[in-house]
Structures are given as C-alpha cells and as structure tokens.
Amino acid sequence: AFEAGADEYASPPTDSDTAVALSARITSVVGRYRAERAATEAQARSAALVTDKGEFRALAEQLDQVVWIRRPDGSFRYANAAFESTWKIHSDALCADATLFEAAIHSADRPAYGRLGPGVHEYRVPQADGSVRWLRDHVHEAETGSESRIIGVAEDITARQRLSYDLEASVEALGRPYEISAAPNLT
C-alpha cells in the first residue's frame, strides 16, 4: 500500500473509540493533503506571475500602485513607472544601487533590520518639494522553482493619512470645550 502512495495504515476499528480515533486520523491526513496541495498551487501561481515577464511587466506598468521585485540578496530586479514617479529614482539606478530604496524612506520609518521583509509596512517618502507621500507596502516572498523573489506592491495612502490627522485635530478641538464645561471648579 505504501509503494502505491498510501500515507498511513490503520487496522479496521473494533469498537467506537477506535472508530473515533480512525476518523480523526483520516481527517488529519486529508487536511494535511489539502494544505500541501493549496501551498503547491499558491507557489505555482506566484512562480507563473514572476516568470511570465512580458505579461507581468505590461500589467505592472499600467498600475497606479508601486510594484517592485527584489532578490533575496537585496538587489532589485524590477520597479515600475509608479515607483519612479514616487521615489524620483529611475529603475535602472535602483537596480544598480539597491540602497537607494531604503535611503529614500523617511529616516523614522526605515526598517531597523535594513530591508522591508514580508508583511505590510507603512512609511513616508519625502518629495523634492518638501511634501511627503505615505505608502502602504504589501511585501510577499514568492518562490519560482529554484529562485526566490521579494515582491512589493505599495499604494499611496497620503490622502487617507491627511484625513486621519484632520479627524484627530477635530476630535481634539471638540474635546476641549467639553473638558472645560465638565470641570466643576470653573465658572
């Protein structure tokens, strides 16, 4: 049975406790198989996305979001036009000097460990005119057979950050009169 691809062997149940244990083992094996299959399919999708360069680049160049691809050693493989307009760094320069990426991030928002790793990161990119652009970067690691890539897709959240600051300022301003009116020792 194992030579034919069986994962486990179990004796037929002799009582209800054994039947329950057998059912749990079957559920476990099927769950493990489904999880492995889902992981394999997700890896294949990631690999197809990264290896089909023509389609990927055509799509990425049309997006308003920043898209970048980095090797595990930190060197950049690709950055789209939205990256260039946000960072004001040409993608060729970025591919030649990967340190330009983190150096362009506001010093208070730079990752302590040097590079953005997998996860969701929010950071500021100062602009030449003195303004700041806020970005939320979704970073994912993708395996492409024998190669690994770090892929980032960042959306500009500057308008949302401004609204958040304005809302906080309004709440604070509205709270001051309430604090004064609620103070029993003030007339």
N, C-alpha and C. Protein backbone atom coordinates (compact mmCIF):
# COMPACT_ATOMS: atom_id res chain seq x y z
N ALA A 1 0.83 -1.20 0.00
CA ALA A 1 0.00 0.00 0.00
C ALA A 1 0.87 1.26 0.00
N PHE A 2 1.97 1.24 0.78
CA PHE A 2 2.84 2.40 0.82
C PHE A 2 3.53 2.62 -0.53
N GLU A 3 3.90 1.54 -1.21
CA GLU A 3 4.51 1.66 -2.53
C GLU A 3 3.54 2.27 -3.54
N ALA A 4 2.25 2.09 -3.32
CA ALA A 4 1.23 2.63 -4.22
C ALA A 4 0.89 4.08 -3.86
N GLY A 5 1.50 4.63 -2.79
CA GLY A 5 1.27 6.03 -2.44
C GLY A 5 0.46 6.26 -1.19
N ALA A 6 0.19 5.23 -0.40
CA ALA A 6 -0.58 5.40 0.84
C ALA A 6 0.25 6.21 1.84
N ASP A 7 -0.42 7.08 2.61
CA ASP A 7 0.25 7.88 3.63
C ASP A 7 0.32 7.16 4.97
N GLU A 8 -0.71 6.41 5.30
CA GLU A 8 -0.78 5.73 6.59
C GLU A 8 -1.54 4.42 6.43
N TYR A 9 -1.42 3.60 7.46
CA TYR A 9 -2.16 2.34 7.51
C TYR A 9 -2.86 2.27 8.86
N ALA A 10 -4.09 1.81 8.86
CA ALA A 10 -4.83 1.66 10.11
C ALA A 10 -5.60 0.34 10.06
N SER A 11 -5.68 -0.31 11.22
CA SER A 11 -6.48 -1.54 11.33
C SER A 11 -7.95 -1.18 11.36
N PRO A 12 -8.80 -2.07 10.90
CA PRO A 12 -10.24 -1.79 10.98
C PRO A 12 -10.66 -1.58 12.44
N PRO A 13 -11.58 -0.66 12.68
CA PRO A 13 -12.00 -0.38 14.06
C PRO A 13 -12.74 -1.57 14.67
N THR A 14 -12.45 -1.80 15.96
CA THR A 14 -13.11 -2.89 16.68
C THR A 14 -14.15 -2.38 17.66
N ASP A 15 -14.08 -1.12 18.05
CA ASP A 15 -15.08 -0.54 18.95
C ASP A 15 -15.27 0.94 18.58
N SER A 16 -16.14 1.63 19.31
CA SER A 16 -16.46 3.02 18.95
C SER A 16 -15.28 3.95 19.19
N ASP A 17 -14.45 3.69 20.24
CA ASP A 17 -13.28 4.55 20.49
C ASP A 17 -12.27 4.44 19.34
N THR A 18 -12.07 3.24 18.85
CA THR A 18 -11.14 3.04 17.74
C THR A 18 -11.69 3.70 16.47
N ALA A 19 -13.01 3.63 16.29
CA ALA A 19 -13.62 4.26 15.11
C ALA A 19 -13.45 5.77 15.16
N VAL A 20 -13.58 6.35 16.35
CA VAL A 20 -13.40 7.80 16.50
C VAL A 20 -11.94 8.17 16.22
N ALA A 21 -11.00 7.38 16.74
CA ALA A 21 -9.59 7.64 16.50
C ALA A 21 -9.26 7.51 15.01
N LEU A 22 -9.82 6.49 14.36
CA LEU A 22 -9.60 6.31 12.93
C LEU A 22 -10.15 7.49 12.14
N SER A 23 -11.32 7.95 12.52
CA SER A 23 -11.92 9.10 11.85
C SER A 23 -11.04 10.34 12.00
N ALA A 24 -10.48 10.55 13.19
CA ALA A 24 -9.60 11.69 13.43
C ALA A 24 -8.33 11.58 12.58
N ARG A 25 -7.77 10.37 12.46
CA ARG A 25 -6.57 10.17 11.65
C ARG A 25 -6.87 10.46 10.18
N ILE A 26 -8.01 10.00 9.69
CA ILE A 26 -8.38 10.23 8.30
C ILE A 26 -8.55 11.74 8.05
N THR A 27 -9.24 12.40 8.96
CA THR A 27 -9.44 13.85 8.84
C THR A 27 -8.09 14.57 8.82
N SER A 28 -7.16 14.14 9.68
CA SER A 28 -5.84 14.75 9.74
C SER A 28 -5.08 14.56 8.43
N VAL A 29 -5.09 13.35 7.89
CA VAL A 29 -4.36 13.07 6.66
C VAL A 29 -4.96 13.86 5.49
N VAL A 30 -6.28 13.89 5.39
CA VAL A 30 -6.93 14.63 4.31
C VAL A 30 -6.65 16.12 4.46
N GLY A 31 -6.71 16.64 5.67
CA GLY A 31 -6.41 18.06 5.90
C GLY A 31 -4.98 18.40 5.52
N ARG A 32 -4.04 17.53 5.88
CA ARG A 32 -2.64 17.75 5.54
C ARG A 32 -2.46 17.73 4.02
N TYR A 33 -3.10 16.78 3.35
CA TYR A 33 -3.02 16.68 1.89
C TYR A 33 -3.57 17.95 1.23
N ARG A 34 -4.72 18.42 1.71
CA ARG A 34 -5.32 19.62 1.12
C ARG A 34 -4.45 20.85 1.34
N ALA A 35 -3.85 20.96 2.54
CA ALA A 35 -2.97 22.10 2.82
C ALA A 35 -1.74 22.07 1.93
N GLU A 36 -1.15 20.88 1.75
CA GLU A 36 0.01 20.76 0.88
C GLU A 36 -0.35 21.10 -0.57
N ARG A 37 -1.51 20.64 -1.01
CA ARG A 37 -1.95 20.94 -2.38
C ARG A 37 -2.19 22.43 -2.57
N ALA A 38 -2.83 23.07 -1.57
CA ALA A 38 -3.07 24.52 -1.66
C ALA A 38 -1.75 25.29 -1.69
N ALA A 39 -0.77 24.86 -0.87
CA ALA A 39 0.53 25.53 -0.86
C ALA A 39 1.24 25.36 -2.20
N THR A 40 1.15 24.19 -2.78
CA THR A 40 1.77 23.93 -4.08
C THR A 40 1.11 24.79 -5.16
N GLU A 41 -0.20 24.89 -5.13
CA GLU A 41 -0.91 25.71 -6.12
C GLU A 41 -0.56 27.19 -5.96
N ALA A 42 -0.47 27.66 -4.71
CA ALA A 42 -0.11 29.06 -4.48
C ALA A 42 1.30 29.34 -4.96
N GLN A 43 2.21 28.40 -4.73
CA GLN A 43 3.58 28.55 -5.19
C GLN A 43 3.62 28.59 -6.72
N ALA A 44 2.85 27.75 -7.35
CA ALA A 44 2.81 27.73 -8.82
C ALA A 44 2.27 29.05 -9.37
N ARG A 45 1.23 29.61 -8.72
CA ARG A 45 0.69 30.90 -9.17
C ARG A 45 1.74 32.00 -9.03
N SER A 46 2.45 32.01 -7.89
CA SER A 46 3.50 33.01 -7.69
C SER A 46 4.60 32.86 -8.72
N ALA A 47 4.98 31.62 -8.98
CA ALA A 47 6.04 31.37 -9.96
C ALA A 47 5.61 31.84 -11.35
N ALA A 48 4.38 31.55 -11.72
CA ALA A 48 3.88 31.96 -13.04
C ALA A 48 3.86 33.48 -13.14
N LEU A 49 3.48 34.15 -12.07
CA LEU A 49 3.42 35.61 -12.08
C LEU A 49 4.81 36.20 -12.30
N VAL A 50 5.79 35.66 -11.62
CA VAL A 50 7.13 36.23 -11.70
C VAL A 50 7.85 35.81 -12.98
N THR A 51 7.61 34.60 -13.47
CA THR A 51 8.36 34.13 -14.64
C THR A 51 7.77 34.60 -15.96
N ASP A 52 6.52 34.93 -16.00
CA ASP A 52 5.93 35.42 -17.25
C ASP A 52 6.19 36.92 -17.33
N LYS A 53 7.41 37.27 -17.67
CA LYS A 53 7.88 38.65 -17.59
C LYS A 53 7.10 39.60 -18.48
N GLY A 54 6.81 39.19 -19.69
CA GLY A 54 6.13 40.09 -20.61
C GLY A 54 4.77 40.52 -20.11
N GLU A 55 3.94 39.56 -19.73
CA GLU A 55 2.60 39.88 -19.22
C GLU A 55 2.68 40.65 -17.92
N PHE A 56 3.56 40.21 -17.03
CA PHE A 56 3.69 40.87 -15.72
C PHE A 56 4.08 42.33 -15.89
N ARG A 57 5.09 42.58 -16.69
CA ARG A 57 5.55 43.97 -16.88
C ARG A 57 4.48 44.83 -17.53
N ALA A 58 3.78 44.27 -18.52
CA ALA A 58 2.72 45.03 -19.18
C ALA A 58 1.64 45.42 -18.18
N LEU A 59 1.29 44.50 -17.30
CA LEU A 59 0.30 44.79 -16.26
C LEU A 59 0.83 45.79 -15.24
N ALA A 60 2.04 45.55 -14.75
CA ALA A 60 2.61 46.39 -13.69
C ALA A 60 2.80 47.83 -14.15
N GLU A 61 3.14 48.04 -15.40
CA GLU A 61 3.35 49.39 -15.91
C GLU A 61 2.05 50.18 -16.01
N GLN A 62 0.91 49.50 -16.03
CA GLN A 62 -0.39 50.17 -16.12
C GLN A 62 -0.96 50.54 -14.75
N LEU A 63 -0.39 50.01 -13.69
CA LEU A 63 -0.93 50.22 -12.35
C LEU A 63 -0.52 51.57 -11.77
N ASP A 64 -1.40 52.12 -10.94
CA ASP A 64 -1.06 53.33 -10.18
C ASP A 64 -0.22 52.98 -8.96
N GLN A 65 -0.30 51.73 -8.51
CA GLN A 65 0.46 51.28 -7.35
C GLN A 65 1.92 51.04 -7.74
N VAL A 66 2.77 51.24 -6.74
CA VAL A 66 4.19 50.97 -6.92
C VAL A 66 4.38 49.45 -6.88
N VAL A 67 5.12 48.91 -7.84
CA VAL A 67 5.42 47.48 -7.86
C VAL A 67 6.94 47.33 -7.98
N TRP A 68 7.51 46.51 -7.11
CA TRP A 68 8.94 46.26 -7.19
C TRP A 68 9.23 44.79 -6.90
N ILE A 69 10.33 44.30 -7.45
CA ILE A 69 10.76 42.91 -7.22
C ILE A 69 12.23 42.95 -6.84
N ARG A 70 12.53 42.24 -5.78
CA ARG A 70 13.88 42.22 -5.23
C ARG A 70 14.35 40.78 -5.05
N ARG A 71 15.62 40.53 -5.24
CA ARG A 71 16.20 39.22 -4.97
C ARG A 71 16.46 39.10 -3.46
N PRO A 72 16.61 37.89 -2.94
CA PRO A 72 16.89 37.73 -1.51
C PRO A 72 18.18 38.42 -1.05
N ASP A 73 19.14 38.60 -1.96
CA ASP A 73 20.39 39.27 -1.58
C ASP A 73 20.22 40.78 -1.45
N GLY A 74 19.03 41.30 -1.78
CA GLY A 74 18.75 42.72 -1.64
C GLY A 74 18.77 43.50 -2.94
N SER A 75 19.35 42.94 -3.98
CA SER A 75 19.40 43.65 -5.26
C SER A 75 18.02 43.67 -5.91
N PHE A 76 17.75 44.74 -6.63
CA PHE A 76 16.45 44.88 -7.28
C PHE A 76 16.48 44.30 -8.69
N ARG A 77 15.39 43.69 -9.04
CA ARG A 77 15.22 43.10 -10.36
C ARG A 77 14.29 43.94 -11.23
N TYR A 78 13.34 44.66 -10.59
CA TYR A 78 12.34 45.40 -11.35
C TYR A 78 11.67 46.45 -10.45
N ALA A 79 11.33 47.57 -11.05
CA ALA A 79 10.48 48.59 -10.42
C ALA A 79 9.69 49.26 -11.54
N ASN A 80 8.40 49.46 -11.32
CA ASN A 80 7.55 50.01 -12.39
C ASN A 80 7.60 51.54 -12.44
N ALA A 81 6.86 52.11 -13.37
CA ALA A 81 6.86 53.56 -13.58
C ALA A 81 6.31 54.31 -12.36
N ALA A 82 5.34 53.72 -11.66
CA ALA A 82 4.80 54.37 -10.46
C ALA A 82 5.88 54.51 -9.40
N PHE A 83 6.79 53.53 -9.33
CA PHE A 83 7.92 53.64 -8.41
C PHE A 83 8.76 54.86 -8.77
N GLU A 84 9.08 54.99 -10.04
CA GLU A 84 9.92 56.10 -10.49
C GLU A 84 9.28 57.45 -10.17
N SER A 85 7.95 57.56 -10.33
CA SER A 85 7.30 58.85 -10.06
C SER A 85 7.19 59.13 -8.56
N THR A 86 7.15 58.12 -7.74
CA THR A 86 7.06 58.32 -6.29
C THR A 86 8.43 58.57 -5.68
N TRP A 87 9.39 57.74 -6.02
CA TRP A 87 10.74 57.84 -5.44
C TRP A 87 11.62 58.86 -6.15
N LYS A 88 11.25 59.22 -7.38
CA LYS A 88 12.08 60.10 -8.22
C LYS A 88 13.45 59.46 -8.46
N ILE A 89 13.44 58.13 -8.59
CA ILE A 89 14.65 57.36 -8.89
C ILE A 89 14.32 56.48 -10.09
N HIS A 90 15.14 56.51 -11.11
CA HIS A 90 14.93 55.66 -12.27
C HIS A 90 15.18 54.21 -11.88
N SER A 91 14.40 53.29 -12.44
CA SER A 91 14.52 51.88 -12.08
C SER A 91 15.91 51.32 -12.40
N ASP A 92 16.56 51.82 -13.45
CA ASP A 92 17.92 51.36 -13.76
C ASP A 92 18.88 51.73 -12.64
N ALA A 93 18.73 52.93 -12.08
CA ALA A 93 19.59 53.36 -10.96
C ALA A 93 19.33 52.49 -9.74
N LEU A 94 18.05 52.16 -9.50
CA LEU A 94 17.70 51.30 -8.37
C LEU A 94 18.31 49.90 -8.53
N CYS A 95 18.24 49.36 -9.73
CA CYS A 95 18.81 48.03 -9.98
C CYS A 95 20.33 48.06 -9.81
N ALA A 96 20.95 49.20 -10.10
CA ALA A 96 22.40 49.32 -9.94
C ALA A 96 22.81 49.55 -8.48
N ASP A 97 21.95 50.23 -7.70
CA ASP A 97 22.27 50.53 -6.30
C ASP A 97 21.01 50.36 -5.44
N ALA A 98 20.85 49.19 -4.86
CA ALA A 98 19.65 48.86 -4.08
C ALA A 98 19.51 49.70 -2.82
N THR A 99 20.58 50.30 -2.34
CA THR A 99 20.50 51.11 -1.11
C THR A 99 19.65 52.37 -1.31
N LEU A 100 19.41 52.76 -2.57
CA LEU A 100 18.60 53.95 -2.84
C LEU A 100 17.17 53.78 -2.34
N PHE A 101 16.67 52.54 -2.31
CA PHE A 101 15.28 52.29 -1.91
C PHE A 101 15.05 52.71 -0.46
N GLU A 102 15.74 52.06 0.48
CA GLU A 102 15.53 52.38 1.89
C GLU A 102 16.03 53.79 2.23
N ALA A 103 17.07 54.27 1.52
CA ALA A 103 17.58 55.62 1.78
C ALA A 103 16.53 56.69 1.47
N ALA A 104 15.64 56.41 0.53
CA ALA A 104 14.60 57.38 0.17
C ALA A 104 13.43 57.37 1.14
N ILE A 105 13.33 56.36 2.00
CA ILE A 105 12.27 56.30 3.01
C ILE A 105 12.64 57.23 4.16
N HIS A 106 11.64 57.91 4.71
CA HIS A 106 11.86 58.81 5.85
C HIS A 106 12.64 58.08 6.93
N SER A 107 13.64 58.73 7.50
CA SER A 107 14.54 58.06 8.45
C SER A 107 13.80 57.44 9.64
N ALA A 108 12.70 58.05 10.08
CA ALA A 108 11.95 57.50 11.21
C ALA A 108 11.17 56.24 10.84
N ASP A 109 10.97 56.00 9.54
CA ASP A 109 10.17 54.86 9.09
C ASP A 109 11.00 53.73 8.51
N ARG A 110 12.31 53.91 8.41
CA ARG A 110 13.16 52.87 7.83
C ARG A 110 13.17 51.64 8.72
N PRO A 111 13.16 50.47 8.09
CA PRO A 111 13.21 49.24 8.90
C PRO A 111 14.53 49.14 9.65
N ALA A 112 14.44 48.73 10.90
CA ALA A 112 15.64 48.64 11.75
C ALA A 112 16.61 47.59 11.23
N TYR A 113 16.11 46.58 10.56
CA TYR A 113 16.95 45.49 10.08
C TYR A 113 17.47 45.73 8.67
N GLY A 114 17.24 46.89 8.10
CA GLY A 114 17.83 47.23 6.81
C GLY A 114 16.91 47.15 5.62
N ARG A 115 16.09 46.10 5.51
CA ARG A 115 15.22 45.92 4.34
C ARG A 115 13.80 45.62 4.78
N LEU A 116 12.86 45.97 3.90
CA LEU A 116 11.47 45.60 4.14
C LEU A 116 11.32 44.10 3.92
N GLY A 117 10.83 43.40 4.91
CA GLY A 117 10.60 41.97 4.78
C GLY A 117 9.13 41.71 4.52
N PRO A 118 8.75 40.44 4.37
CA PRO A 118 7.35 40.11 4.13
C PRO A 118 6.44 40.70 5.22
N GLY A 119 5.29 41.20 4.79
CA GLY A 119 4.33 41.82 5.70
C GLY A 119 3.78 43.10 5.09
N VAL A 120 3.09 43.88 5.91
CA VAL A 120 2.52 45.15 5.47
C VAL A 120 3.26 46.26 6.21
N HIS A 121 3.77 47.22 5.45
CA HIS A 121 4.57 48.30 6.02
C HIS A 121 4.00 49.64 5.58
N GLU A 122 3.94 50.59 6.51
CA GLU A 122 3.55 51.95 6.17
C GLU A 122 4.76 52.84 6.41
N TYR A 123 5.06 53.70 5.44
CA TYR A 123 6.21 54.57 5.56
C TYR A 123 6.01 55.81 4.70
N ARG A 124 6.85 56.81 4.96
CA ARG A 124 6.81 58.07 4.22
C ARG A 124 7.98 58.16 3.26
N VAL A 125 7.73 58.78 2.11
CA VAL A 125 8.79 59.07 1.15
C VAL A 125 8.78 60.58 0.93
N PRO A 126 9.80 61.29 1.47
CA PRO A 126 9.87 62.74 1.28
C PRO A 126 10.05 63.07 -0.21
N GLN A 127 9.40 64.15 -0.63
CA GLN A 127 9.47 64.59 -2.02
C GLN A 127 10.37 65.82 -2.12
N ALA A 128 10.82 66.12 -3.32
CA ALA A 128 11.74 67.24 -3.54
C ALA A 128 11.12 68.58 -3.15
N ASP A 129 9.79 68.71 -3.28
CA ASP A 129 9.13 69.98 -2.95
C ASP A 129 8.85 70.15 -1.46
N GLY A 130 9.32 69.21 -0.64
CA GLY A 130 9.13 69.29 0.80
C GLY A 130 7.91 68.53 1.31
N SER A 131 7.05 68.11 0.41
CA SER A 131 5.88 67.32 0.82
C SER A 131 6.30 65.88 1.11
N VAL A 132 5.37 65.13 1.64
CA VAL A 132 5.64 63.74 1.99
C VAL A 132 4.54 62.87 1.41
N ARG A 133 4.90 61.73 0.84
CA ARG A 133 3.92 60.76 0.36
C ARG A 133 3.96 59.56 1.29
N TRP A 134 2.79 59.17 1.78
CA TRP A 134 2.65 57.99 2.62
C TRP A 134 2.35 56.79 1.74
N LEU A 135 3.00 55.67 2.02
CA LEU A 135 2.76 54.45 1.26
C LEU A 135 2.46 53.29 2.21
N ARG A 136 1.58 52.42 1.77
CA ARG A 136 1.34 51.14 2.46
C ARG A 136 1.81 50.07 1.49
N ASP A 137 2.86 49.36 1.90
CA ASP A 137 3.54 48.40 1.03
C ASP A 137 3.23 46.98 1.50
N HIS A 138 2.66 46.20 0.61
CA HIS A 138 2.36 44.78 0.88
C HIS A 138 3.51 43.98 0.28
N VAL A 139 4.32 43.38 1.13
CA VAL A 139 5.52 42.68 0.69
C VAL A 139 5.31 41.17 0.87
N HIS A 140 5.64 40.42 -0.17
CA HIS A 140 5.41 38.97 -0.19
C HIS A 140 6.63 38.28 -0.77
N GLU A 141 6.95 37.11 -0.25
CA GLU A 141 8.04 36.32 -0.81
C GLU A 141 7.44 35.28 -1.74
N ALA A 142 7.99 35.17 -2.95
CA ALA A 142 7.49 34.22 -3.95
C ALA A 142 8.63 33.31 -4.38
N GLU A 143 8.32 32.02 -4.44
CA GLU A 143 9.29 31.03 -4.90
C GLU A 143 9.01 30.74 -6.38
N THR A 144 10.05 30.74 -7.18
CA THR A 144 9.91 30.41 -8.60
C THR A 144 10.86 29.25 -8.90
N GLY A 145 10.45 28.08 -8.52
CA GLY A 145 11.31 26.91 -8.71
C GLY A 145 12.49 26.99 -7.78
N SER A 146 13.67 27.22 -8.34
CA SER A 146 14.88 27.29 -7.52
C SER A 146 15.17 28.70 -7.04
N GLU A 147 14.41 29.69 -7.53
CA GLU A 147 14.67 31.08 -7.17
C GLU A 147 13.61 31.62 -6.23
N SER A 148 14.02 32.60 -5.44
CA SER A 148 13.11 33.26 -4.53
C SER A 148 13.11 34.75 -4.86
N ARG A 149 11.98 35.38 -4.75
CA ARG A 149 11.86 36.82 -5.01
C ARG A 149 11.03 37.46 -3.90
N ILE A 150 11.34 38.71 -3.62
CA ILE A 150 10.55 39.51 -2.70
C ILE A 150 9.79 40.51 -3.57
N ILE A 151 8.46 40.51 -3.48
CA ILE A 151 7.63 41.37 -4.31
C ILE A 151 6.90 42.36 -3.41
N GLY A 152 6.95 43.63 -3.78
CA GLY A 152 6.24 44.66 -3.04
C GLY A 152 5.24 45.36 -3.94
N VAL A 153 4.05 45.60 -3.41
CA VAL A 153 3.02 46.37 -4.10
C VAL A 153 2.56 47.43 -3.10
N ALA A 154 2.86 48.68 -3.41
CA ALA A 154 2.59 49.77 -2.48
C ALA A 154 1.54 50.71 -3.04
N GLU A 155 0.59 51.06 -2.19
CA GLU A 155 -0.43 52.03 -2.59
C GLU A 155 -0.17 53.35 -1.87
N ASP A 156 -0.48 54.44 -2.54
CA ASP A 156 -0.32 55.77 -1.96
C ASP A 156 -1.49 56.03 -1.02
N ILE A 157 -1.20 56.23 0.25
CA ILE A 157 -2.26 56.47 1.25
C ILE A 157 -2.13 57.88 1.84
N THR A 158 -1.50 58.79 1.10
CA THR A 158 -1.28 60.15 1.58
C THR A 158 -2.60 60.84 1.92
N ALA A 159 -3.58 60.76 1.05
CA ALA A 159 -4.88 61.42 1.30
C ALA A 159 -5.54 60.85 2.55
N ARG A 160 -5.48 59.55 2.73
CA ARG A 160 -6.07 58.92 3.91
C ARG A 160 -5.36 59.37 5.19
N GLN A 161 -4.03 59.50 5.15
CA GLN A 161 -3.28 59.96 6.31
C GLN A 161 -3.66 61.39 6.66
N ARG A 162 -3.81 62.23 5.64
CA ARG A 162 -4.20 63.64 5.89
C ARG A 162 -5.58 63.70 6.54
N LEU A 163 -6.52 62.89 6.02
CA LEU A 163 -7.86 62.86 6.61
C LEU A 163 -7.81 62.38 8.06
N SER A 164 -6.97 61.42 8.33
CA SER A 164 -6.83 60.89 9.68
C SER A 164 -6.31 61.97 10.63
N TYR A 165 -5.28 62.72 10.19
CA TYR A 165 -4.75 63.81 11.01
C TYR A 165 -5.79 64.90 11.23
N ASP A 166 -6.54 65.25 10.17
CA ASP A 166 -7.59 66.25 10.30
C ASP A 166 -8.67 65.80 11.27
N LEU A 167 -9.04 64.52 11.21
CA LEU A 167 -10.06 63.99 12.12
C LEU A 167 -9.56 64.03 13.56
N GLU A 168 -8.32 63.65 13.79
CA GLU A 168 -7.75 63.71 15.15
C GLU A 168 -7.75 65.14 15.67
N ALA A 169 -7.37 66.09 14.81
CA ALA A 169 -7.35 67.50 15.23
C ALA A 169 -8.77 67.98 15.55
N SER A 170 -9.76 67.57 14.77
CA SER A 170 -11.15 67.97 15.03
C SER A 170 -11.66 67.38 16.34
N VAL A 171 -11.37 66.12 16.58
CA VAL A 171 -11.80 65.47 17.82
C VAL A 171 -11.16 66.16 19.01
N GLU A 172 -9.88 66.50 18.89
CA GLU A 172 -9.19 67.19 19.99
C GLU A 172 -9.80 68.57 20.22
N ALA A 173 -10.07 69.29 19.13
CA ALA A 173 -10.65 70.64 19.26
C ALA A 173 -12.05 70.58 19.87
N LEU A 174 -12.84 69.57 19.49
CA LEU A 174 -14.18 69.44 20.06
C LEU A 174 -14.14 68.97 21.51
N GLY A 175 -13.10 68.27 21.87
CA GLY A 175 -12.98 67.77 23.25
C GLY A 175 -12.63 68.85 24.25
N ARG A 176 -11.92 69.90 23.84
CA ARG A 176 -11.51 70.95 24.76
C ARG A 176 -12.70 71.68 25.39
N PRO A 177 -13.69 72.13 24.61
CA PRO A 177 -14.84 72.79 25.26
C PRO A 177 -15.58 71.85 26.22
N TYR A 178 -15.67 70.59 25.90
CA TYR A 178 -16.32 69.62 26.78
C TYR A 178 -15.55 69.51 28.09
N GLU A 179 -14.24 69.44 28.02
CA GLU A 179 -13.43 69.33 29.24
C GLU A 179 -13.63 70.56 30.12
N ILE A 180 -13.71 71.73 29.48
CA ILE A 180 -13.90 72.99 30.25
C ILE A 180 -15.30 72.97 30.88
N SER A 181 -16.32 72.62 30.11
CA SER A 181 -17.70 72.66 30.64
C SER A 181 -17.92 71.58 31.72
N ALA A 182 -17.15 70.50 31.68
CA ALA A 182 -17.33 69.42 32.64
C ALA A 182 -16.55 69.65 33.93
N ALA A 183 -15.66 70.66 33.95
CA ALA A 183 -14.86 70.92 35.14
C ALA A 183 -15.73 71.66 36.17
N PRO A 184 -15.98 71.06 37.34
CA PRO A 184 -16.87 71.67 38.34
C PRO A 184 -16.30 72.92 39.00
N ASN A 185 -15.00 73.09 38.98
CA ASN A 185 -14.41 74.23 39.68
C ASN A 185 -14.26 75.47 38.80
N LEU A 186 -14.68 75.40 37.55
CA LEU A 186 -14.60 76.54 36.65
C LEU A 186 -15.96 77.20 36.49
N THR A 187 -15.95 78.53 36.36
CA THR A 187 -17.21 79.23 36.15
C THR A 187 -17.33 79.66 34.71
